[in-house]
Amino acid sequence: MVAKVNAEVCTGCGSCVDECPAAAISLSDDDIAVVDESECLDCGACEDACPNNAITIE
């Protein structure tokens, strides 16, 4: 399982970046959250932090 970002819903607010304990999420040049799957802990902190429900753990 890993965090997946719905780029159509992500607003680039950075809430997930701030909450990720593994620093596995960054914002792209287009201000879309990007998950480094090799660093993701599957903890769900980003999913809980996203105000737009743009992240799911799959």
Protein backbone atom coordinates (compact mmCIF):
# COMPACT_ATOMS: atom_id res chain seq x y z
CA MET A 1 0.00 0.00 0.00
CA VAL A 2 1.12 3.52 -0.73
CA ALA A 3 -0.28 7.05 -0.81
CA LYS A 4 -1.74 8.06 -4.17
CA VAL A 5 -2.46 11.66 -5.15
CA ASN A 6 -5.37 12.64 -7.37
CA ALA A 7 -3.73 15.47 -9.32
CA GLU A 8 -7.11 16.75 -10.51
CA VAL A 9 -8.16 17.43 -6.91
CA CYS A 10 -4.83 18.47 -5.35
CA THR A 11 -4.51 22.23 -4.85
CA GLY A 12 -0.87 22.20 -3.74
CA CYS A 13 -1.66 23.53 -0.27
CA GLY A 14 1.21 21.54 1.28
CA SER A 15 -0.72 20.15 4.25
CA CYS A 16 0.40 16.64 3.36
CA VAL A 17 4.03 17.71 3.03
CA ASP A 18 3.96 19.17 6.54
CA GLU A 19 2.33 16.06 8.05
CA CYS A 20 4.42 13.33 6.41
CA PRO A 21 6.72 11.84 9.08
CA ALA A 22 8.96 10.27 6.42
CA ALA A 23 9.35 13.41 4.27
CA ALA A 24 8.10 11.30 1.37
CA ILE A 25 5.91 14.02 -0.16
CA SER A 26 6.99 17.08 -2.07
CA LEU A 27 5.28 19.59 -4.33
CA SER A 28 6.01 19.51 -8.06
CA ASP A 29 6.71 22.61 -10.13
CA ASP A 30 2.98 22.58 -10.89
CA ASP A 31 2.16 22.62 -7.15
CA ILE A 32 0.84 19.08 -7.12
CA ALA A 33 1.78 16.69 -4.31
CA VAL A 34 4.16 13.92 -5.36
CA VAL A 35 4.77 10.83 -3.22
CA ASP A 36 8.14 9.08 -3.18
CA GLU A 37 6.78 5.54 -2.98
CA SER A 38 10.09 4.14 -1.75
CA GLU A 39 9.96 6.42 1.31
CA CYS A 40 6.21 6.25 2.05
CA LEU A 41 5.37 4.56 5.36
CA ASP A 42 1.69 3.99 4.45
CA CYS A 43 0.76 5.65 7.75
CA GLY A 44 -2.15 7.71 6.41
CA ALA A 45 -1.06 11.01 7.96
CA CYS A 46 -1.17 12.70 4.56
CA GLU A 47 -4.61 11.31 3.81
CA ASP A 48 -5.94 12.68 7.10
CA ALA A 49 -4.24 16.06 6.57
CA CYS A 50 -5.53 16.71 3.05
CA PRO A 51 -8.45 19.17 3.18
CA ASN A 52 -9.46 18.27 -0.39
CA ASN A 53 -9.44 14.47 -0.05
CA ALA A 54 -6.89 14.30 -2.86
CA ILE A 55 -4.84 11.53 -1.22
CA THR A 56 -5.81 7.93 -0.67
CA ILE A 57 -3.84 4.99 0.68
CA GLU A 58 -4.06 2.19 -1.88
